[in-house]
PDB file of all heavy atoms in Angstrom:
ATOM      1  N   ASN A   1      91.262  93.559 127.580  1.00  0.00           N
ATOM      2  CA  ASN A   1      92.685  93.622 127.339  1.00  0.00           C
ATOM      3  C   ASN A   1      93.225  92.426 126.609  1.00  0.00           C
ATOM      4  O   ASN A   1      94.025  92.600 125.727  1.00  0.00           O
ATOM      5  CB  ASN A   1      93.442  93.814 128.686  1.00  0.00           C
ATOM      6  CG  ASN A   1      93.267  95.179 129.243  1.00  0.00           C
ATOM      7  OD1 ASN A   1      92.745  96.092 128.594  1.00  0.00           O
ATOM      8  ND2 ASN A   1      93.782  95.391 130.440  1.00  0.00           N
ATOM      9  N   LYS A   2      92.723  91.236 126.937  1.00  0.00           N
ATOM     10  CA  LYS A   2      93.076  90.049 126.159  1.00  0.00           C
ATOM     11  C   LYS A   2      92.709  90.172 124.708  1.00  0.00           C
ATOM     12  O   LYS A   2      93.440  89.875 123.786  1.00  0.00           O
ATOM     13  CB  LYS A   2      92.534  88.793 126.788  1.00  0.00           C
ATOM     14  CG  LYS A   2      93.209  88.322 128.050  1.00  0.00           C
ATOM     15  CD  LYS A   2      92.551  87.030 128.569  1.00  0.00           C
ATOM     16  CE  LYS A   2      93.185  86.525 129.805  1.00  0.00           C
ATOM     17  NZ  LYS A   2      92.574  85.291 130.325  1.00  0.00           N
ATOM     18  N   ALA A   3      91.474  90.673 124.483  1.00  0.00           N
ATOM     19  CA  ALA A   3      90.973  90.837 123.110  1.00  0.00           C
ATOM     20  C   ALA A   3      91.756  91.910 122.379  1.00  0.00           C
ATOM     21  O   ALA A   3      92.098  91.650 121.248  1.00  0.00           O
ATOM     22  CB  ALA A   3      89.437  91.191 123.161  1.00  0.00           C
ATOM     23  N   LYS A   4      92.114  92.914 123.044  1.00  0.00           N
ATOM     24  CA  LYS A   4      92.931  94.038 122.375  1.00  0.00           C
ATOM     25  C   LYS A   4      94.282  93.480 121.958  1.00  0.00           C
ATOM     26  O   LYS A   4      94.793  93.744 120.818  1.00  0.00           O
ATOM     27  CB  LYS A   4      93.072  95.201 123.306  1.00  0.00           C
ATOM     28  CG  LYS A   4      91.855  95.979 123.506  1.00  0.00           C
ATOM     29  CD  LYS A   4      92.079  97.111 124.474  1.00  0.00           C
ATOM     30  CE  LYS A   4      90.801  97.684 125.010  1.00  0.00           C
ATOM     31  NZ  LYS A   4      91.005  98.596 126.167  1.00  0.00           N
ATOM     32  N   ASN A   5      94.863  92.710 122.843  1.00  0.00           N
ATOM     33  CA  ASN A   5      96.192  92.102 122.498  1.00  0.00           C
ATOM     34  C   ASN A   5      96.033  91.100 121.362  1.00  0.00           C
ATOM     35  O   ASN A   5      96.948  91.139 120.467  1.00  0.00           O
ATOM     36  CB  ASN A   5      96.802  91.421 123.717  1.00  0.00           C
ATOM     37  CG  ASN A   5      97.411  92.340 124.774  1.00  0.00           C
ATOM     38  OD1 ASN A   5      97.719  93.470 124.429  1.00  0.00           O
ATOM     39  ND2 ASN A   5      97.440  91.959 125.946  1.00  0.00           N
ATOM     40  N   LYS A   6      95.029  90.314 121.287  1.00  0.00           N
ATOM     41  CA  LYS A   6      94.833  89.371 120.232  1.00  0.00           C
ATOM     42  C   LYS A   6      94.665  90.129 118.919  1.00  0.00           C
ATOM     43  O   LYS A   6      95.204  89.720 117.893  1.00  0.00           O
ATOM     44  CB  LYS A   6      93.593  88.503 120.491  1.00  0.00           C
ATOM     45  CG  LYS A   6      93.796  87.390 121.456  1.00  0.00           C
ATOM     46  CD  LYS A   6      92.541  86.513 121.515  1.00  0.00           C
ATOM     47  CE  LYS A   6      92.703  85.300 122.455  1.00  0.00           C
ATOM     48  NZ  LYS A   6      91.502  84.489 122.469  1.00  0.00           N
ATOM     49  N   ILE A   7      93.897  91.217 118.957  1.00  0.00           N
ATOM     50  CA  ILE A   7      93.659  92.008 117.754  1.00  0.00           C
ATOM     51  C   ILE A   7      94.983  92.579 117.217  1.00  0.00           C
ATOM     52  O   ILE A   7      95.312  92.528 116.084  1.00  0.00           O
ATOM     53  CB  ILE A   7      92.603  93.123 117.979  1.00  0.00           C
ATOM     54  CG1 ILE A   7      91.202  92.479 118.241  1.00  0.00           C
ATOM     55  CG2 ILE A   7      92.553  94.132 116.766  1.00  0.00           C
ATOM     56  CD1 ILE A   7      90.208  93.473 118.725  1.00  0.00           C
ATOM     57  N   LEU A   8      95.778  93.197 118.142  1.00  0.00           N
ATOM     58  CA  LEU A   8      97.020  93.773 117.808  1.00  0.00           C
ATOM     59  C   LEU A   8      97.950  92.728 117.197  1.00  0.00           C
ATOM     60  O   LEU A   8      98.661  92.932 116.195  1.00  0.00           O
ATOM     61  CB  LEU A   8      97.673  94.503 118.977  1.00  0.00           C
ATOM     62  CG  LEU A   8      96.980  95.762 119.375  1.00  0.00           C
ATOM     63  CD1 LEU A   8      97.597  96.371 120.682  1.00  0.00           C
ATOM     64  CD2 LEU A   8      97.018  96.866 118.286  1.00  0.00           C
ATOM     65  N   LYS A   9      98.058  91.582 117.852  1.00  0.00           N
ATOM     66  CA  LYS A   9      98.918  90.489 117.330  1.00  0.00           C
ATOM     67  C   LYS A   9      98.522  90.006 115.997  1.00  0.00           C
ATOM     68  O   LYS A   9      99.363  89.687 115.165  1.00  0.00           O
ATOM     69  CB  LYS A   9      98.914  89.341 118.372  1.00  0.00           C
ATOM     70  CG  LYS A   9      99.752  89.664 119.626  1.00  0.00           C
ATOM     71  CD  LYS A   9      99.719  88.492 120.642  1.00  0.00           C
ATOM     72  CE  LYS A   9     100.461  88.926 121.899  1.00  0.00           C
ATOM     73  NZ  LYS A   9     100.383  87.968 122.951  1.00  0.00           N
ATOM     74  N   TYR A  10      97.159  89.845 115.760  1.00  0.00           N
ATOM     75  CA  TYR A  10      96.710  89.468 114.480  1.00  0.00           C
ATOM     76  C   TYR A  10      97.122  90.424 113.402  1.00  0.00           C
ATOM     77  O   TYR A  10      97.465  90.027 112.270  1.00  0.00           O
ATOM     78  CB  TYR A  10      95.189  89.297 114.483  1.00  0.00           C
ATOM     79  CG  TYR A  10      94.653  88.689 113.202  1.00  0.00           C
ATOM     80  CD1 TYR A  10      94.636  87.311 112.986  1.00  0.00           C
ATOM     81  CD2 TYR A  10      94.148  89.514 112.262  1.00  0.00           C
ATOM     82  CE1 TYR A  10      94.143  86.767 111.786  1.00  0.00           C
ATOM     83  CE2 TYR A  10      93.607  88.983 111.076  1.00  0.00           C
ATOM     84  CZ  TYR A  10      93.632  87.600 110.869  1.00  0.00           C
ATOM     85  OH  TYR A  10      93.155  87.063 109.671  1.00  0.00           O
ATOM     86  N   LEU A  11      97.069  91.718 113.726  1.00  0.00           N
ATOM     87  CA  LEU A  11      97.363  92.740 112.736  1.00  0.00           C
ATOM     88  C   LEU A  11      98.857  92.920 112.491  1.00  0.00           C
ATOM     89  O   LEU A  11      99.267  93.588 111.517  1.00  0.00           O
ATOM     90  CB  LEU A  11      96.783  94.084 113.160  1.00  0.00           C
ATOM     91  CG  LEU A  11      95.250  94.140 113.228  1.00  0.00           C
ATOM     92  CD1 LEU A  11      94.785  95.450 113.784  1.00  0.00           C
ATOM     93  CD2 LEU A  11      94.571  93.861 111.847  1.00  0.00           C
ATOM     94  N   THR A  12      99.722  92.252 113.335  1.00  0.00           N
ATOM     95  CA  THR A  12     101.197  92.415 113.110  1.00  0.00           C
ATOM     96  C   THR A  12     101.739  91.562 111.978  1.00  0.00           C
ATOM     97  O   THR A  12     102.950  91.721 111.669  1.00  0.00           O
ATOM     98  CB  THR A  12     101.963  92.052 114.435  1.00  0.00           C
ATOM     99  OG1 THR A  12     101.596  90.722 114.778  1.00  0.00           O
ATOM    100  CG2 THR A  12     101.642  93.045 115.489  1.00  0.00           C
ATOM    101  N   LYS A  13     100.923  90.754 111.378  1.00  0.00           N
ATOM    102  CA  LYS A  13     101.376  89.901 110.262  1.00  0.00           C
ATOM    103  C   LYS A  13     102.029  90.730 109.220  1.00  0.00           C
ATOM    104  O   LYS A  13     103.138  90.413 108.758  1.00  0.00           O
ATOM    105  CB  LYS A  13     100.242  89.069 109.639  1.00  0.00           C
ATOM    106  CG  LYS A  13      99.685  88.081 110.672  1.00  0.00           C
ATOM    107  CD  LYS A  13      98.513  87.307 110.020  1.00  0.00           C
ATOM    108  CE  LYS A  13      97.910  86.404 111.018  1.00  0.00           C
ATOM    109  NZ  LYS A  13      96.679  85.689 110.523  1.00  0.00           N
ATOM    110  N   ASP A  14     101.443  91.775 108.819  1.00  0.00           N
ATOM    111  CA  ASP A  14     101.995  92.794 107.954  1.00  0.00           C
ATOM    112  C   ASP A  14     101.121  94.061 108.073  1.00  0.00           C
ATOM    113  O   ASP A  14      99.990  93.990 108.554  1.00  0.00           O
ATOM    114  CB  ASP A  14     102.164  92.371 106.530  1.00  0.00           C
ATOM    115  CG  ASP A  14     100.912  91.775 105.913  1.00  0.00           C
ATOM    116  OD1 ASP A  14      99.885  91.900 106.570  1.00  0.00           O
ATOM    117  OD2 ASP A  14     100.939  91.188 104.868  1.00  0.00           O
ATOM    118  N   PHE A  15     101.616  95.145 107.688  1.00  0.00           N
ATOM    119  CA  PHE A  15     100.913  96.399 107.859  1.00  0.00           C
ATOM    120  C   PHE A  15      99.873  96.604 106.668  1.00  0.00           C
ATOM    121  O   PHE A  15     100.010  97.539 105.903  1.00  0.00           O
ATOM    122  CB  PHE A  15     101.879  97.547 107.949  1.00  0.00           C
ATOM    123  CG  PHE A  15     102.638  97.576 109.255  1.00  0.00           C
ATOM    124  CD1 PHE A  15     103.871  96.962 109.335  1.00  0.00           C
ATOM    125  CD2 PHE A  15     102.140  98.167 110.356  1.00  0.00           C
ATOM    126  CE1 PHE A  15     104.570  96.936 110.509  1.00  0.00           C
ATOM    127  CE2 PHE A  15     102.800  98.113 111.579  1.00  0.00           C
ATOM    128  CZ  PHE A  15     104.032  97.513 111.640  1.00  0.00           C
ATOM    129  N   LYS A  16      98.898  95.750 106.635  1.00  0.00           N
ATOM    130  CA  LYS A  16      97.839  95.926 105.623  1.00  0.00           C
ATOM    131  C   LYS A  16      96.477  95.801 106.358  1.00  0.00           C
ATOM    132  O   LYS A  16      96.370  95.494 107.499  1.00  0.00           O
ATOM    133  CB  LYS A  16      97.920  94.871 104.552  1.00  0.00           C
ATOM    134  CG  LYS A  16      97.600  93.478 104.996  1.00  0.00           C
ATOM    135  CD  LYS A  16      97.560  92.512 103.770  1.00  0.00           C
ATOM    136  CE  LYS A  16      96.911  91.235 104.144  1.00  0.00           C
ATOM    137  NZ  LYS A  16      96.732  90.315 103.044  1.00  0.00           N
ATOM    138  N   TYR A  17      95.430  96.195 105.630  1.00  0.00           N
ATOM    139  CA  TYR A  17      94.097  96.181 106.244  1.00  0.00           C
ATOM    140  C   TYR A  17      93.563  94.798 106.269  1.00  0.00           C
ATOM    141  O   TYR A  17      93.602  94.032 105.337  1.00  0.00           O
ATOM    142  CB  TYR A  17      93.178  97.135 105.404  1.00  0.00           C
ATOM    143  CG  TYR A  17      93.413  98.588 105.735  1.00  0.00           C
ATOM    144  CD1 TYR A  17      94.228  99.332 104.912  1.00  0.00           C
ATOM    145  CD2 TYR A  17      92.752  99.195 106.768  1.00  0.00           C
ATOM    146  CE1 TYR A  17      94.501 100.715 105.175  1.00  0.00           C
ATOM    147  CE2 TYR A  17      93.011 100.566 107.061  1.00  0.00           C
ATOM    148  CZ  TYR A  17      93.857 101.290 106.244  1.00  0.00           C
ATOM    149  OH  TYR A  17      94.096 102.613 106.566  1.00  0.00           O
ATOM    150  N   TYR A  18      92.870  94.464 107.381  1.00  0.00           N
ATOM    151  CA  TYR A  18      92.111  93.223 107.494  1.00  0.00           C
ATOM    152  C   TYR A  18      90.636  93.486 107.869  1.00  0.00           C
ATOM    153  O   TYR A  18      90.378  94.440 108.607  1.00  0.00           O
ATOM    154  CB  TYR A  18      92.758  92.373 108.666  1.00  0.00           C
ATOM    155  CG  TYR A  18      94.087  91.839 108.342  1.00  0.00           C
ATOM    156  CD1 TYR A  18      95.271  92.480 108.762  1.00  0.00           C
ATOM    157  CD2 TYR A  18      94.223  90.600 107.671  1.00  0.00           C
ATOM    158  CE1 TYR A  18      96.455  91.955 108.536  1.00  0.00           C
ATOM    159  CE2 TYR A  18      95.468  90.092 107.466  1.00  0.00           C
ATOM    160  CZ  TYR A  18      96.565  90.772 107.850  1.00  0.00           C
ATOM    161  OH  TYR A  18      97.840  90.247 107.578  1.00  0.00           O
ATOM    162  N   LEU A  19      89.743  92.718 107.301  1.00  0.00           N
ATOM    163  CA  LEU A  19      88.393  92.899 107.682  1.00  0.00           C
ATOM    164  C   LEU A  19      88.146  92.496 109.157  1.00  0.00           C
ATOM    165  O   LEU A  19      88.694  91.556 109.630  1.00  0.00           O
ATOM    166  CB  LEU A  19      87.458  92.001 106.833  1.00  0.00           C
ATOM    167  CG  LEU A  19      87.178  92.497 105.382  1.00  0.00           C
ATOM    168  CD1 LEU A  19      86.430  91.387 104.637  1.00  0.00           C
ATOM    169  CD2 LEU A  19      86.324  93.724 105.455  1.00  0.00           C
ATOM    170  N   ILE A  20      87.357  93.366 109.837  1.00  0.00           N
ATOM    171  CA  ILE A  20      87.056  93.110 111.245  1.00  0.00           C
ATOM    172  C   ILE A  20      86.490  91.765 111.524  1.00  0.00           C
ATOM    173  O   ILE A  20      86.744  91.135 112.519  1.00  0.00           O
ATOM    174  CB  ILE A  20      86.335  94.290 111.831  1.00  0.00           C
ATOM    175  CG1 ILE A  20      86.438  94.206 113.408  1.00  0.00           C
ATOM    176  CG2 ILE A  20      84.875  94.278 111.360  1.00  0.00           C
ATOM    177  CD1 ILE A  20      85.940  95.527 114.033  1.00  0.00           C
ATOM    178  N   PHE A  21      85.634  91.304 110.563  1.00  0.00           N
ATOM    179  CA  PHE A  21      84.981  89.960 110.730  1.00  0.00           C
ATOM    180  C   PHE A  21      85.986  88.831 110.648  1.00  0.00           C
ATOM    181  O   PHE A  21      85.859  87.865 111.389  1.00  0.00           O
ATOM    182  CB  PHE A  21      83.886  89.737 109.705  1.00  0.00           C
ATOM    183  CG  PHE A  21      82.794  90.864 109.793  1.00  0.00           C
ATOM    184  CD1 PHE A  21      82.662  91.852 108.816  1.00  0.00           C
ATOM    185  CD2 PHE A  21      81.955  90.884 110.886  1.00  0.00           C
ATOM    186  CE1 PHE A  21      81.662  92.762 108.948  1.00  0.00           C
ATOM    187  CE2 PHE A  21      80.951  91.811 111.004  1.00  0.00           C
ATOM    188  CZ  PHE A  21      80.838  92.804 110.053  1.00  0.00           C
ATOM    189  N   ASP A  22      86.999  89.009 109.802  1.00  0.00           N
ATOM    190  CA  ASP A  22      88.092  87.986 109.731  1.00  0.00           C
ATOM    191  C   ASP A  22      88.891  87.995 110.985  1.00  0.00           C
ATOM    192  O   ASP A  22      89.200  86.845 111.496  1.00  0.00           O
ATOM    193  CB  ASP A  22      89.010  88.247 108.523  1.00  0.00           C
ATOM    194  CG  ASP A  22      88.343  88.122 107.169  1.00  0.00           C
ATOM    195  OD1 ASP A  22      87.261  87.443 107.125  1.00  0.00           O
ATOM    196  OD2 ASP A  22      88.811  88.700 106.235  1.00  0.00           O
ATOM    197  N   VAL A  23      89.215  89.121 111.550  1.00  0.00           N
ATOM    198  CA  VAL A  23      89.927  89.156 112.804  1.00  0.00           C
ATOM    199  C   VAL A  23      89.164  88.494 113.947  1.00  0.00           C
ATOM    200  O   VAL A  23      89.649  87.679 114.659  1.00  0.00           O
ATOM    201  CB  VAL A  23      90.248  90.628 113.189  1.00  0.00           C
ATOM    202  CG1 VAL A  23      90.937  90.688 114.557  1.00  0.00           C
ATOM    203  CG2 VAL A  23      91.124  91.300 112.151  1.00  0.00           C
ATOM    204  N   SER A  24      87.871  88.806 113.969  1.00  0.00           N
ATOM    205  CA  SER A  24      86.973  88.240 115.033  1.00  0.00           C
ATOM    206  C   SER A  24      86.913  86.695 114.834  1.00  0.00           C
ATOM    207  O   SER A  24      87.028  85.984 115.831  1.00  0.00           O
ATOM    208  CB  SER A  24      85.553  88.783 114.925  1.00  0.00           C
ATOM    209  OG  SER A  24      84.706  88.230 115.751  1.00  0.00           O
ATOM    210  N   LYS A  25      86.725  86.188 113.626  1.00  0.00           N
ATOM    211  CA  LYS A  25      86.596  84.795 113.386  1.00  0.00           C
ATOM    212  C   LYS A  25      87.884  83.974 113.608  1.00  0.00           C
ATOM    213  O   LYS A  25      87.928  82.979 114.337  1.00  0.00           O
ATOM    214  CB  LYS A  25      86.077  84.610 111.978  1.00  0.00           C
ATOM    215  CG  LYS A  25      85.793  83.111 111.626  1.00  0.00           C
ATOM    216  CD  LYS A  25      85.214  82.988 110.229  1.00  0.00           C
ATOM    217  CE  LYS A  25      86.305  82.326 109.378  1.00  0.00           C
ATOM    218  NZ  LYS A  25      85.902  82.202 107.990  1.00  0.00           N
ATOM    219  N   ASN A  26      88.968  84.532 113.133  1.00  0.00           N
ATOM    220  CA  ASN A  26      90.300  83.844 113.256  1.00  0.00           C
ATOM    221  C   ASN A  26      90.865  83.807 114.652  1.00  0.00           C
ATOM    222  O   ASN A  26      91.594  82.969 115.010  1.00  0.00           O
ATOM    223  CB  ASN A  26      91.313  84.453 112.296  1.00  0.00           C
ATOM    224  CG  ASN A  26      90.909  84.116 110.781  1.00  0.00           C
ATOM    225  OD1 ASN A  26      90.230  83.183 110.511  1.00  0.00           O
ATOM    226  ND2 ASN A  26      91.357  84.983 109.939  1.00  0.00           N
ATOM    227  N   GLU A  27      90.515  84.893 115.418  1.00  0.00           N
ATOM    228  CA  GLU A  27      91.049  84.953 116.778  1.00  0.00           C
ATOM    229  C   GLU A  27      90.036  84.500 117.852  1.00  0.00           C
ATOM    230  O   GLU A  27      90.294  84.625 119.027  1.00  0.00           O
ATOM    231  CB  GLU A  27      91.530  86.424 117.121  1.00  0.00           C
ATOM    232  CG  GLU A  27      92.743  86.791 116.377  1.00  0.00           C
ATOM    233  CD  GLU A  27      93.958  86.017 116.679  1.00  0.00           C
ATOM    234  OE1 GLU A  27      94.148  85.696 117.891  1.00  0.00           O
ATOM    235  OE2 GLU A  27      94.655  85.639 115.751  1.00  0.00           O
ATOM    236  N   ASN A  28      88.895  84.005 117.363  1.00  0.00           N
ATOM    237  CA  ASN A  28      87.809  83.506 118.317  1.00  0.00           C
ATOM    238  C   ASN A  28      87.417  84.603 119.315  1.00  0.00           C
ATOM    239  O   ASN A  28      87.335  84.297 120.496  1.00  0.00           O
ATOM    240  CB  ASN A  28      88.249  82.254 119.039  1.00  0.00           C
ATOM    241  CG  ASN A  28      88.394  81.101 118.047  1.00  0.00           C
ATOM    242  OD1 ASN A  28      87.681  80.997 117.066  1.00  0.00           O
ATOM    243  ND2 ASN A  28      89.412  80.308 118.341  1.00  0.00           N
ATOM    244  N   ILE A  29      87.153  85.794 118.836  1.00  0.00           N
ATOM    245  CA  ILE A  29      86.673  86.893 119.679  1.00  0.00           C
ATOM    246  C   ILE A  29      85.282  87.204 119.263  1.00  0.00           C
ATOM    247  O   ILE A  29      84.951  87.272 118.063  1.00  0.00           O
ATOM    248  CB  ILE A  29      87.523  88.143 119.484  1.00  0.00           C
ATOM    249  CG1 ILE A  29      89.046  87.828 119.746  1.00  0.00           C
ATOM    250  CG2 ILE A  29      87.139  89.267 120.460  1.00  0.00           C
ATOM    251  CD1 ILE A  29      89.987  88.943 119.368  1.00  0.00           C
ATOM    252  N   ASP A  30      84.378  87.497 120.240  1.00  0.00           N
ATOM    253  CA  ASP A  30      83.026  87.919 119.903  1.00  0.00           C
ATOM    254  C   ASP A  30      83.050  89.125 119.003  1.00  0.00           C
ATOM    255  O   ASP A  30      83.830  90.043 119.188  1.00  0.00           O
ATOM    256  CB  ASP A  30      82.289  88.187 121.203  1.00  0.00           C
ATOM    257  CG  ASP A  30      80.847  88.570 120.996  1.00  0.00           C
ATOM    258  OD1 ASP A  30      80.069  87.744 120.536  1.00  0.00           O
ATOM    259  OD2 ASP A  30      80.503  89.738 121.326  1.00  0.00           O
ATOM    260  N   GLU A  31      82.135  89.173 118.060  1.00  0.00           N
ATOM    261  CA  GLU A  31      82.168  90.312 117.094  1.00  0.00           C
ATOM    262  C   GLU A  31      81.904  91.646 117.774  1.00  0.00           C
ATOM    263  O   GLU A  31      82.506  92.599 117.461  1.00  0.00           O
ATOM    264  CB  GLU A  31      81.059  90.037 116.005  1.00  0.00           C
ATOM    265  CG  GLU A  31      81.419  89.045 114.942  1.00  0.00           C
ATOM    266  CD  GLU A  31      80.443  88.954 113.856  1.00  0.00           C
ATOM    267  OE1 GLU A  31      79.469  89.748 113.784  1.00  0.00           O
ATOM    268  OE2 GLU A  31      80.597  88.065 113.042  1.00  0.00           O
ATOM    269  N   ASP A  32      80.947  91.644 118.672  1.00  0.00           N
ATOM    270  CA  ASP A  32      80.630  92.913 119.423  1.00  0.00           C
ATOM    271  C   ASP A  32      81.829  93.394 120.178  1.00  0.00           C
ATOM    272  O   ASP A  32      82.163  94.576 120.236  1.00  0.00           O
ATOM    273  CB  ASP A  32      79.403  92.749 120.350  1.00  0.00           C
ATOM    274  CG  ASP A  32      78.157  92.441 119.556  1.00  0.00           C
ATOM    275  OD1 ASP A  32      78.044  92.946 118.430  1.00  0.00           O
ATOM    276  OD2 ASP A  32      77.296  91.729 120.091  1.00  0.00           O
ATOM    277  N   LEU A  33      82.524  92.412 120.837  1.00  0.00           N
ATOM    278  CA  LEU A  33      83.743  92.733 121.578  1.00  0.00           C
ATOM    279  C   LEU A  33      84.806  93.276 120.672  1.00  0.00           C
ATOM    280  O   LEU A  33      85.516  94.152 121.004  1.00  0.00           O
ATOM    281  CB  LEU A  33      84.178  91.574 122.399  1.00  0.00           C
ATOM    282  CG  LEU A  33      85.478  91.775 123.247  1.00  0.00           C
ATOM    283  CD1 LEU A  33      85.291  92.846 124.270  1.00  0.00           C
ATOM    284  CD2 LEU A  33      85.798  90.445 123.946  1.00  0.00           C
TER     285      LEU A  33
END
């Protein structure tokens, strides 16, 4: 749930597509998670 909230918050910057690897790296979330 913490990871899902981080992903959603990261994507709220604007409604555009972000690479999943960038989201993982910038939010310090394990890639598999």
